[in-house]
Amino acid sequence: MKHHQYFVYIVTNEVKKVLYTGITNNLPQRIIEHYLNRDTQNSFAAKYKCHYLLYFETFKYVDKAIKREKESRINYICKSRMAIFKYGHFGRMAPKSR
């Protein structure tokens, strides 16, 4: 029986202003692909040059990984909307560079 492993991951750009959440079964290869596509406009991650890995989780079953990816996107959208209501924009949510 083959062992499967899936990853839900979050990448950002150099200035840490954009987040991209994805799912893959080969995390090192996927990060390389994001890096190699950084100068294209083929996808959201490429357009905003998201290839810096911030976080990942590992799953044995793809359905659980897909569920977690959707949850993380929904949570981020809700937090962004709350910041818009509170601050009038979501610029304050971005992590500060040090």
PDB file of N, CA and C in Angstrom:
ATOM      1  N   MET A   1       0.841  -1.177   0.000  1.00  0.00           N
ATOM      2  CA  MET A   1       0.000   0.000   0.000  1.00  0.00           C
ATOM      3  C   MET A   1       0.890   1.246   0.000  1.00  0.00           C
ATOM      4  N   LYS A   2       0.604   2.144  -0.907  1.00  0.00           N
ATOM      5  CA  LYS A   2       1.408   3.352  -1.044  1.00  0.00           C
ATOM      6  C   LYS A   2       1.016   4.379   0.020  1.00  0.00           C
ATOM      7  N   HIS A   3       2.020   4.996   0.604  1.00  0.00           N
ATOM      8  CA  HIS A   3       1.808   6.040   1.613  1.00  0.00           C
ATOM      9  C   HIS A   3       1.643   7.382   0.909  1.00  0.00           C
ATOM     10  N   HIS A   4       0.535   8.042   1.164  1.00  0.00           N
ATOM     11  CA  HIS A   4       0.283   9.356   0.572  1.00  0.00           C
ATOM     12  C   HIS A   4       0.497  10.442   1.614  1.00  0.00           C
ATOM     13  N   GLN A   5       0.968  11.571   1.144  1.00  0.00           N
ATOM     14  CA  GLN A   5       1.179  12.716   2.023  1.00  0.00           C
ATOM     15  C   GLN A   5       0.794  13.970   1.248  1.00  0.00           C
ATOM     16  N   TYR A   6      -0.026  14.809   1.875  1.00  0.00           N
ATOM     17  CA  TYR A   6      -0.485  16.041   1.248  1.00  0.00           C
ATOM     18  C   TYR A   6      -0.150  17.213   2.152  1.00  0.00           C
ATOM     19  N   PHE A   7       0.069  18.350   1.543  1.00  0.00           N
ATOM     20  CA  PHE A   7       0.456  19.543   2.276  1.00  0.00           C
ATOM     21  C   PHE A   7      -0.476  20.699   1.945  1.00  0.00           C
ATOM     22  N   VAL A   8      -0.905  21.394   2.972  1.00  0.00           N
ATOM     23  CA  VAL A   8      -1.550  22.691   2.814  1.00  0.00           C
ATOM     24  C   VAL A   8      -0.483  23.701   3.207  1.00  0.00           C
ATOM     25  N   TYR A   9      -0.263  24.694   2.356  1.00  0.00           N
ATOM     26  CA  TYR A   9       0.845  25.610   2.597  1.00  0.00           C
ATOM     27  C   TYR A   9       0.422  27.046   2.344  1.00  0.00           C
ATOM     28  N   ILE A  10       1.165  27.954   2.944  1.00  0.00           N
ATOM     29  CA  ILE A  10       0.954  29.387   2.726  1.00  0.00           C
ATOM     30  C   ILE A  10       2.294  29.983   2.313  1.00  0.00           C
ATOM     31  N   VAL A  11       2.274  30.709   1.187  1.00  0.00           N
ATOM     32  CA  VAL A  11       3.453  31.422   0.722  1.00  0.00           C
ATOM     33  C   VAL A  11       3.118  32.909   0.642  1.00  0.00           C
ATOM     34  N   THR A  12       4.155  33.726   0.659  1.00  0.00           N
ATOM     35  CA  THR A  12       3.983  35.166   0.571  1.00  0.00           C
ATOM     36  C   THR A  12       5.028  35.731  -0.381  1.00  0.00           C
ATOM     37  N   ASN A  13       4.943  37.028  -0.608  1.00  0.00           N
ATOM     38  CA  ASN A  13       5.936  37.688  -1.456  1.00  0.00           C
ATOM     39  C   ASN A  13       7.027  38.314  -0.584  1.00  0.00           C
ATOM     40  N   GLU A  14       7.984  38.958  -1.218  1.00  0.00           N
ATOM     41  CA  GLU A  14       9.144  39.487  -0.490  1.00  0.00           C
ATOM     42  C   GLU A  14       8.761  40.514   0.569  1.00  0.00           C
ATOM     43  N   VAL A  15       7.785  41.358   0.278  1.00  0.00           N
ATOM     44  CA  VAL A  15       7.391  42.405   1.226  1.00  0.00           C
ATOM     45  C   VAL A  15       6.279  41.941   2.176  1.00  0.00           C
ATOM     46  N   LYS A  16       5.890  40.682   2.072  1.00  0.00           N
ATOM     47  CA  LYS A  16       4.906  40.049   2.966  1.00  0.00           C
ATOM     48  C   LYS A  16       3.572  40.797   3.001  1.00  0.00           C
ATOM     49  N   LYS A  17       3.103  41.213   1.815  1.00  0.00           N
ATOM     50  CA  LYS A  17       1.826  41.920   1.710  1.00  0.00           C
ATOM     51  C   LYS A  17       0.727  41.046   1.128  1.00  0.00           C
ATOM     52  N   VAL A  18       1.095  39.896   0.539  1.00  0.00           N
ATOM     53  CA  VAL A  18       0.131  39.030  -0.125  1.00  0.00           C
ATOM     54  C   VAL A  18       0.333  37.608   0.386  1.00  0.00           C
ATOM     55  N   LEU A  19      -0.768  36.912   0.627  1.00  0.00           N
ATOM     56  CA  LEU A  19      -0.712  35.511   1.028  1.00  0.00           C
ATOM     57  C   LEU A  19      -1.375  34.654  -0.033  1.00  0.00           C
ATOM     58  N   TYR A  20      -0.808  33.486  -0.261  1.00  0.00           N
ATOM     59  CA  TYR A  20      -1.391  32.503  -1.171  1.00  0.00           C
ATOM     60  C   TYR A  20      -1.435  31.176  -0.434  1.00  0.00           C
ATOM     61  N   THR A  21      -2.588  30.538  -0.431  1.00  0.00           N
ATOM     62  CA  THR A  21      -2.768  29.240   0.198  1.00  0.00           C
ATOM     63  C   THR A  21      -2.955  28.191  -0.881  1.00  0.00           C
ATOM     64  N   GLY A  22      -2.235  27.088  -0.760  1.00  0.00           N
ATOM     65  CA  GLY A  22      -2.343  26.033  -1.762  1.00  0.00           C
ATOM     66  C   GLY A  22      -2.267  24.657  -1.146  1.00  0.00           C
ATOM     67  N   ILE A  23      -2.437  23.651  -1.990  1.00  0.00           N
ATOM     68  CA  ILE A  23      -2.358  22.256  -1.569  1.00  0.00           C
ATOM     69  C   ILE A  23      -1.514  21.504  -2.604  1.00  0.00           C
ATOM     70  N   THR A  24      -0.701  20.567  -2.134  1.00  0.00           N
ATOM     71  CA  THR A  24       0.163  19.793  -3.027  1.00  0.00           C
ATOM     72  C   THR A  24       0.524  18.473  -2.359  1.00  0.00           C
ATOM     73  N   ASN A  25       1.029  17.545  -3.169  1.00  0.00           N
ATOM     74  CA  ASN A  25       1.550  16.295  -2.601  1.00  0.00           C
ATOM     75  C   ASN A  25       3.077  16.269  -2.644  1.00  0.00           C
ATOM     76  N   ASN A  26       3.696  17.371  -3.122  1.00  0.00           N
ATOM     77  CA  ASN A  26       5.156  17.461  -3.176  1.00  0.00           C
ATOM     78  C   ASN A  26       5.540  18.912  -2.869  1.00  0.00           C
ATOM     79  N   LEU A  27       5.670  19.234  -1.611  1.00  0.00           N
ATOM     80  CA  LEU A  27       5.894  20.616  -1.192  1.00  0.00           C
ATOM     81  C   LEU A  27       7.208  21.205  -1.725  1.00  0.00           C
ATOM     82  N   PRO A  28       8.337  20.527  -1.625  1.00  0.00           N
ATOM     83  CA  PRO A  28       9.571  21.140  -2.146  1.00  0.00           C
ATOM     84  C   PRO A  28       9.458  21.482  -3.644  1.00  0.00           C
ATOM     85  N   GLN A  29       8.898  20.567  -4.426  1.00  0.00           N
ATOM     86  CA  GLN A  29       8.744  20.809  -5.853  1.00  0.00           C
ATOM     87  C   GLN A  29       7.783  21.972  -6.114  1.00  0.00           C
ATOM     88  N   ARG A  30       6.721  22.061  -5.343  1.00  0.00           N
ATOM     89  CA  ARG A  30       5.739  23.138  -5.551  1.00  0.00           C
ATOM     90  C   ARG A  30       6.338  24.501  -5.239  1.00  0.00           C
ATOM     91  N   ILE A  31       7.153  24.600  -4.215  1.00  0.00           N
ATOM     92  CA  ILE A  31       7.801  25.877  -3.885  1.00  0.00           C
ATOM     93  C   ILE A  31       8.767  26.269  -5.007  1.00  0.00           C
ATOM     94  N   ILE A  32       9.480  25.298  -5.551  1.00  0.00           N
ATOM     95  CA  ILE A  32      10.362  25.562  -6.692  1.00  0.00           C
ATOM     96  C   ILE A  32       9.549  26.078  -7.878  1.00  0.00           C
ATOM     97  N   GLU A  33       8.400  25.464  -8.132  1.00  0.00           N
ATOM     98  CA  GLU A  33       7.543  25.907  -9.233  1.00  0.00           C
ATOM     99  C   GLU A  33       7.075  27.346  -9.020  1.00  0.00           C
ATOM    100  N   HIS A  34       6.673  27.669  -7.801  1.00  0.00           N
ATOM    101  CA  HIS A  34       6.274  29.055  -7.511  1.00  0.00           C
ATOM    102  C   HIS A  34       7.438  30.002  -7.799  1.00  0.00           C
ATOM    103  N   TYR A  35       8.631  29.624  -7.400  1.00  0.00           N
ATOM    104  CA  TYR A  35       9.807  30.466  -7.626  1.00  0.00           C
ATOM    105  C   TYR A  35      10.082  30.636  -9.124  1.00  0.00           C
ATOM    106  N   LEU A  36      10.036  29.559  -9.863  1.00  0.00           N
ATOM    107  CA  LEU A  36      10.328  29.618 -11.294  1.00  0.00           C
ATOM    108  C   LEU A  36       9.269  30.398 -12.077  1.00  0.00           C
ATOM    109  N   ASN A  37       8.048  30.440 -11.572  1.00  0.00           N
ATOM    110  CA  ASN A  37       6.954  31.158 -12.241  1.00  0.00           C
ATOM    111  C   ASN A  37       6.831  32.610 -11.797  1.00  0.00           C
ATOM    112  N   ARG A  38       7.726  33.089 -10.956  1.00  0.00           N
ATOM    113  CA  ARG A  38       7.578  34.409 -10.341  1.00  0.00           C
ATOM    114  C   ARG A  38       7.549  35.566 -11.325  1.00  0.00           C
ATOM    115  N   ASP A  39       8.148  35.406 -12.482  1.00  0.00           N
ATOM    116  CA  ASP A  39       8.189  36.493 -13.460  1.00  0.00           C
ATOM    117  C   ASP A  39       7.119  36.369 -14.540  1.00  0.00           C
ATOM    118  N   THR A  40       6.159  35.494 -14.325  1.00  0.00           N
ATOM    119  CA  THR A  40       5.070  35.340 -15.282  1.00  0.00           C
ATOM    120  C   THR A  40       3.794  35.930 -14.686  1.00  0.00           C
ATOM    121  N   GLN A  41       2.762  35.965 -15.472  1.00  0.00           N
ATOM    122  CA  GLN A  41       1.448  36.428 -15.006  1.00  0.00           C
ATOM    123  C   GLN A  41       0.445  35.282 -15.101  1.00  0.00           C
ATOM    124  N   ASN A  42       0.925  34.042 -15.027  1.00  0.00           N
ATOM    125  CA  ASN A  42       0.085  32.866 -15.262  1.00  0.00           C
ATOM    126  C   ASN A  42      -0.854  32.521 -14.124  1.00  0.00           C
ATOM    127  N   SER A  43      -0.595  33.026 -12.931  1.00  0.00           N
ATOM    128  CA  SER A  43      -1.431  32.682 -11.780  1.00  0.00           C
ATOM    129  C   SER A  43      -1.341  33.796 -10.748  1.00  0.00           C
ATOM    130  N   PHE A  44      -2.194  33.709  -9.746  1.00  0.00           N
ATOM    131  CA  PHE A  44      -2.184  34.693  -8.658  1.00  0.00           C
ATOM    132  C   PHE A  44      -0.817  34.717  -7.981  1.00  0.00           C
ATOM    133  N   ALA A  45      -0.313  33.541  -7.625  1.00  0.00           N
ATOM    134  CA  ALA A  45       0.975  33.463  -6.923  1.00  0.00           C
ATOM    135  C   ALA A  45       2.102  34.017  -7.785  1.00  0.00           C
ATOM    136  N   ALA A  46       2.052  33.759  -9.085  1.00  0.00           N
ATOM    137  CA  ALA A  46       3.097  34.270  -9.988  1.00  0.00           C
ATOM    138  C   ALA A  46       2.986  35.776 -10.131  1.00  0.00           C
ATOM    139  N   LYS A  47       1.774  36.266 -10.291  1.00  0.00           N
ATOM    140  CA  LYS A  47       1.556  37.704 -10.478  1.00  0.00           C
ATOM    141  C   LYS A  47       2.111  38.510  -9.309  1.00  0.00           C
ATOM    142  N   TYR A  48       1.920  38.011  -8.093  1.00  0.00           N
ATOM    143  CA  TYR A  48       2.367  38.719  -6.896  1.00  0.00           C
ATOM    144  C   TYR A  48       3.686  38.189  -6.339  1.00  0.00           C
ATOM    145  N   LYS A  49       4.344  37.312  -7.113  1.00  0.00           N
ATOM    146  CA  LYS A  49       5.661  36.775  -6.757  1.00  0.00           C
ATOM    147  C   LYS A  49       5.680  36.090  -5.383  1.00  0.00           C
ATOM    148  N   CYS A  50       4.665  35.289  -5.128  1.00  0.00           N
ATOM    149  CA  CYS A  50       4.565  34.555  -3.860  1.00  0.00           C
ATOM    150  C   CYS A  50       5.345  33.244  -3.971  1.00  0.00           C
ATOM    151  N   HIS A  51       6.503  33.187  -3.321  1.00  0.00           N
ATOM    152  CA  HIS A  51       7.279  31.948  -3.315  1.00  0.00           C
ATOM    153  C   HIS A  51       8.055  31.762  -2.011  1.00  0.00           C
ATOM    154  N   TYR A  52       7.773  32.574  -1.002  1.00  0.00           N
ATOM    155  CA  TYR A  52       8.414  32.429   0.312  1.00  0.00           C
ATOM    156  C   TYR A  52       7.484  31.627   1.217  1.00  0.00           C
ATOM    157  N   LEU A  53       7.899  30.448   1.609  1.00  0.00           N
ATOM    158  CA  LEU A  53       7.075  29.580   2.440  1.00  0.00           C
ATOM    159  C   LEU A  53       6.974  30.134   3.856  1.00  0.00           C
ATOM    160  N   LEU A  54       5.739  30.351   4.295  1.00  0.00           N
ATOM    161  CA  LEU A  54       5.501  30.826   5.659  1.00  0.00           C
ATOM    162  C   LEU A  54       5.086  29.701   6.600  1.00  0.00           C
ATOM    163  N   TYR A  55       4.276  28.773   6.080  1.00  0.00           N
ATOM    164  CA  TYR A  55       3.646  27.795   6.954  1.00  0.00           C
ATOM    165  C   TYR A  55       3.185  26.599   6.125  1.00  0.00           C
ATOM    166  N   PHE A  56       3.180  25.414   6.733  1.00  0.00           N
ATOM    167  CA  PHE A  56       2.568  24.257   6.085  1.00  0.00           C
ATOM    168  C   PHE A  56       2.075  23.266   7.120  1.00  0.00           C
ATOM    169  N   GLU A  57       1.106  22.465   6.710  1.00  0.00           N
ATOM    170  CA  GLU A  57       0.578  21.369   7.513  1.00  0.00           C
ATOM    171  C   GLU A  57       0.588  20.118   6.649  1.00  0.00           C
ATOM    172  N   THR A  58       0.758  18.969   7.276  1.00  0.00           N
ATOM    173  CA  THR A  58       0.825  17.697   6.564  1.00  0.00           C
ATOM    174  C   THR A  58      -0.433  16.877   6.852  1.00  0.00           C
ATOM    175  N   PHE A  59      -0.945  16.199   5.812  1.00  0.00           N
ATOM    176  CA  PHE A  59      -2.140  15.375   5.933  1.00  0.00           C
ATOM    177  C   PHE A  59      -1.931  14.046   5.227  1.00  0.00           C
ATOM    178  N   LYS A  60      -2.572  13.025   5.746  1.00  0.00           N
ATOM    179  CA  LYS A  60      -2.509  11.698   5.141  1.00  0.00           C
ATOM    180  C   LYS A  60      -3.566  11.545   4.048  1.00  0.00           C
ATOM    181  N   TYR A  61      -4.687  12.219   4.213  1.00  0.00           N
ATOM    182  CA  TYR A  61      -5.801  12.084   3.277  1.00  0.00           C
ATOM    183  C   TYR A  61      -6.069  13.407   2.569  1.00  0.00           C
ATOM    184  N   VAL A  62      -6.235  13.334   1.254  1.00  0.00           N
ATOM    185  CA  VAL A  62      -6.410  14.538   0.452  1.00  0.00           C
ATOM    186  C   VAL A  62      -7.686  15.290   0.815  1.00  0.00           C
ATOM    187  N   ASP A  63      -8.751  14.572   1.168  1.00  0.00           N
ATOM    188  CA  ASP A  63     -10.005  15.261   1.508  1.00  0.00           C
ATOM    189  C   ASP A  63      -9.847  16.118   2.759  1.00  0.00           C
ATOM    190  N   LYS A  64      -9.064  15.666   3.711  1.00  0.00           N
ATOM    191  CA  LYS A  64      -8.810  16.462   4.913  1.00  0.00           C
ATOM    192  C   LYS A  64      -7.947  17.686   4.588  1.00  0.00           C
ATOM    193  N   ALA A  65      -6.992  17.527   3.687  1.00  0.00           N
ATOM    194  CA  ALA A  65      -6.151  18.650   3.271  1.00  0.00           C
ATOM    195  C   ALA A  65      -6.979  19.701   2.536  1.00  0.00           C
ATOM    196  N   ILE A  66      -7.857  19.266   1.660  1.00  0.00           N
ATOM    197  CA  ILE A  66      -8.726  20.201   0.930  1.00  0.00           C
ATOM    198  C   ILE A  66      -9.633  20.952   1.899  1.00  0.00           C
ATOM    199  N   LYS A  67     -10.180  20.254   2.862  1.00  0.00           N
ATOM    200  CA  LYS A  67     -11.040  20.892   3.862  1.00  0.00           C
ATOM    201  C   LYS A  67     -10.263  21.953   4.642  1.00  0.00           C
ATOM    202  N   ARG A  68      -9.042  21.638   5.036  1.00  0.00           N
ATOM    203  CA  ARG A  68      -8.212  22.587   5.797  1.00  0.00           C
ATOM    204  C   ARG A  68      -7.836  23.805   4.959  1.00  0.00           C
ATOM    205  N   GLU A  69      -7.534  23.589   3.690  1.00  0.00           N
ATOM    206  CA  GLU A  69      -7.199  24.702   2.803  1.00  0.00           C
ATOM    207  C   GLU A  69      -8.384  25.663   2.697  1.00  0.00           C
ATOM    208  N   LYS A  70      -9.573  25.117   2.515  1.00  0.00           N
ATOM    209  CA  LYS A  70     -10.774  25.956   2.420  1.00  0.00           C
ATOM    210  C   LYS A  70     -11.018  26.708   3.724  1.00  0.00           C
ATOM    211  N   GLU A  71     -10.832  26.030   4.858  1.00  0.00           N
ATOM    212  CA  GLU A  71     -11.004  26.685   6.161  1.00  0.00           C
ATOM    213  C   GLU A  71     -10.038  27.847   6.331  1.00  0.00           C
ATOM    214  N   SER A  72      -8.793  27.649   5.935  1.00  0.00           N
ATOM    215  CA  SER A  72      -7.797  28.718   6.111  1.00  0.00           C
ATOM    216  C   SER A  72      -8.116  29.913   5.224  1.00  0.00           C
ATOM    217  N   ARG A  73      -8.604  29.669   4.017  1.00  0.00           N
ATOM    218  CA  ARG A  73      -8.994  30.774   3.133  1.00  0.00           C
ATOM    219  C   ARG A  73     -10.191  31.524   3.690  1.00  0.00           C
ATOM    220  N   ILE A  74     -11.177  30.797   4.180  1.00  0.00           N
ATOM    221  CA  ILE A  74     -12.376  31.433   4.746  1.00  0.00           C
ATOM    222  C   ILE A  74     -12.010  32.254   5.970  1.00  0.00           C
ATOM    223  N   ASN A  75     -11.155  31.715   6.847  1.00  0.00           N
ATOM    224  CA  ASN A  75     -10.735  32.453   8.041  1.00  0.00           C
ATOM    225  C   ASN A  75     -10.010  33.741   7.663  1.00  0.00           C
ATOM    226  N   TYR A  76      -9.154  33.686   6.643  1.00  0.00           N
ATOM    227  CA  TYR A  76      -8.429  34.878   6.218  1.00  0.00           C
ATOM    228  C   TYR A  76      -9.388  35.916   5.642  1.00  0.00           C
ATOM    229  N   ILE A  77     -10.339  35.471   4.839  1.00  0.00           N
ATOM    230  CA  ILE A  77     -11.316  36.397   4.252  1.00  0.00           C
ATOM    231  C   ILE A  77     -12.125  37.071   5.351  1.00  0.00           C
ATOM    232  N   CYS A  78     -12.564  36.316   6.344  1.00  0.00           N
ATOM    233  CA  CYS A  78     -13.343  36.897   7.446  1.00  0.00           C
ATOM    234  C   CYS A  78     -12.523  37.924   8.214  1.00  0.00           C
ATOM    235  N   LYS A  79     -11.265  37.605   8.495  1.00  0.00           N
ATOM    236  CA  LYS A  79     -10.399  38.546   9.219  1.00  0.00           C
ATOM    237  C   LYS A  79     -10.142  39.798   8.385  1.00  0.00           C
ATOM    238  N   SER A  80      -9.983  39.633   7.076  1.00  0.00           N
ATOM    239  CA  SER A  80      -9.775  40.787   6.196  1.00  0.00           C
ATOM    240  C   SER A  80     -10.991  41.694   6.210  1.00  0.00           C
ATOM    241  N   ARG A  81     -12.162  41.104   6.146  1.00  0.00           N
ATOM    242  CA  ARG A  81     -13.395  41.901   6.160  1.00  0.00           C
ATOM    243  C   ARG A  81     -13.561  42.636   7.481  1.00  0.00           C
ATOM    244  N   MET A  82     -13.216  41.975   8.569  1.00  0.00           N
ATOM    245  CA  MET A  82     -13.315  42.634   9.879  1.00  0.00           C
ATOM    246  C   MET A  82     -12.356  43.824   9.942  1.00  0.00           C
ATOM    247  N   ALA A  83     -11.165  43.681   9.384  1.00  0.00           N
ATOM    248  CA  ALA A  83     -10.199  44.781   9.377  1.00  0.00           C
ATOM    249  C   ALA A  83     -10.702  45.944   8.529  1.00  0.00           C
ATOM    250  N   ILE A  84     -11.375  45.622   7.420  1.00  0.00           N
ATOM    251  CA  ILE A  84     -11.939  46.684   6.579  1.00  0.00           C
ATOM    252  C   ILE A  84     -12.971  47.471   7.374  1.00  0.00           C
ATOM    253  N   PHE A  85     -13.818  46.770   8.108  1.00  0.00           N
ATOM    254  CA  PHE A  85     -14.825  47.454   8.929  1.00  0.00           C
ATOM    255  C   PHE A  85     -14.169  48.285  10.027  1.00  0.00           C
ATOM    256  N   LYS A  86     -13.124  47.741  10.619  1.00  0.00           N
ATOM    257  CA  LYS A  86     -12.481  48.418  11.741  1.00  0.00           C
ATOM    258  C   LYS A  86     -11.604  49.587  11.293  1.00  0.00           C
ATOM    259  N   TYR A  87     -10.808  49.380  10.236  1.00  0.00           N
ATOM    260  CA  TYR A  87      -9.818  50.381   9.826  1.00  0.00           C
ATOM    261  C   TYR A  87     -10.172  51.121   8.535  1.00  0.00           C
ATOM    262  N   GLY A  88     -11.180  50.639   7.814  1.00  0.00           N
ATOM    263  CA  GLY A  88     -11.523  51.235   6.536  1.00  0.00           C
ATOM    264  C   GLY A  88     -10.726  50.635   5.389  1.00  0.00           C
ATOM    265  N   HIS A  89      -9.750  49.804   5.691  1.00  0.00           N
ATOM    266  CA  HIS A  89      -8.947  49.085   4.697  1.00  0.00           C
ATOM    267  C   HIS A  89      -8.255  47.942   5.423  1.00  0.00           C
ATOM    268  N   PHE A  90      -7.616  47.051   4.696  1.00  0.00           N
ATOM    269  CA  PHE A  90      -6.935  45.929   5.360  1.00  0.00           C
ATOM    270  C   PHE A  90      -5.432  46.060   5.373  1.00  0.00           C
ATOM    271  N   GLY A  91      -4.916  47.211   5.069  1.00  0.00           N
ATOM    272  CA  GLY A  91      -3.472  47.413   5.066  1.00  0.00           C
ATOM    273  C   GLY A  91      -2.805  47.190   6.407  1.00  0.00           C
ATOM    274  N   ARG A  92      -3.519  47.411   7.501  1.00  0.00           N
ATOM    275  CA  ARG A  92      -2.914  47.242   8.819  1.00  0.00           C
ATOM    276  C   ARG A  92      -2.748  45.778   9.211  1.00  0.00           C
ATOM    277  N   MET A  93      -3.398  44.890   8.483  1.00  0.00           N
ATOM    278  CA  MET A  93      -3.299  43.467   8.800  1.00  0.00           C
ATOM    279  C   MET A  93      -1.975  42.878   8.359  1.00  0.00           C
ATOM    280  N   ALA A  94      -1.333  43.483   7.386  1.00  0.00           N
ATOM    281  CA  ALA A  94      -0.090  42.922   6.854  1.00  0.00           C
ATOM    282  C   ALA A  94       1.004  42.944   7.916  1.00  0.00           C
ATOM    283  N   PRO A  95       1.807  41.891   7.981  1.00  0.00           N
ATOM    284  CA  PRO A  95       2.899  41.870   8.963  1.00  0.00           C
ATOM    285  C   PRO A  95       3.899  42.981   8.655  1.00  0.00           C
ATOM    286  N   LYS A  96       4.470  43.542   9.706  1.00  0.00           N
ATOM    287  CA  LYS A  96       5.458  44.593   9.525  1.00  0.00           C
ATOM    288  C   LYS A  96       6.817  43.976   9.227  1.00  0.00           C
ATOM    289  N   SER A  97       7.539  44.608   8.327  1.00  0.00           N
ATOM    290  CA  SER A  97       8.902  44.176   8.030  1.00  0.00           C
ATOM    291  C   SER A  97       9.831  44.652   9.123  1.00  0.00           C
ATOM    292  N   ARG A  98      10.791  43.833   9.448  1.00  0.00           N
ATOM    293  CA  ARG A  98      11.757  44.206  10.498  1.00  0.00           C
ATOM    294  C   ARG A  98      13.128  44.318   9.947  1.00  0.00           C
TER     295      ARG A  98
END
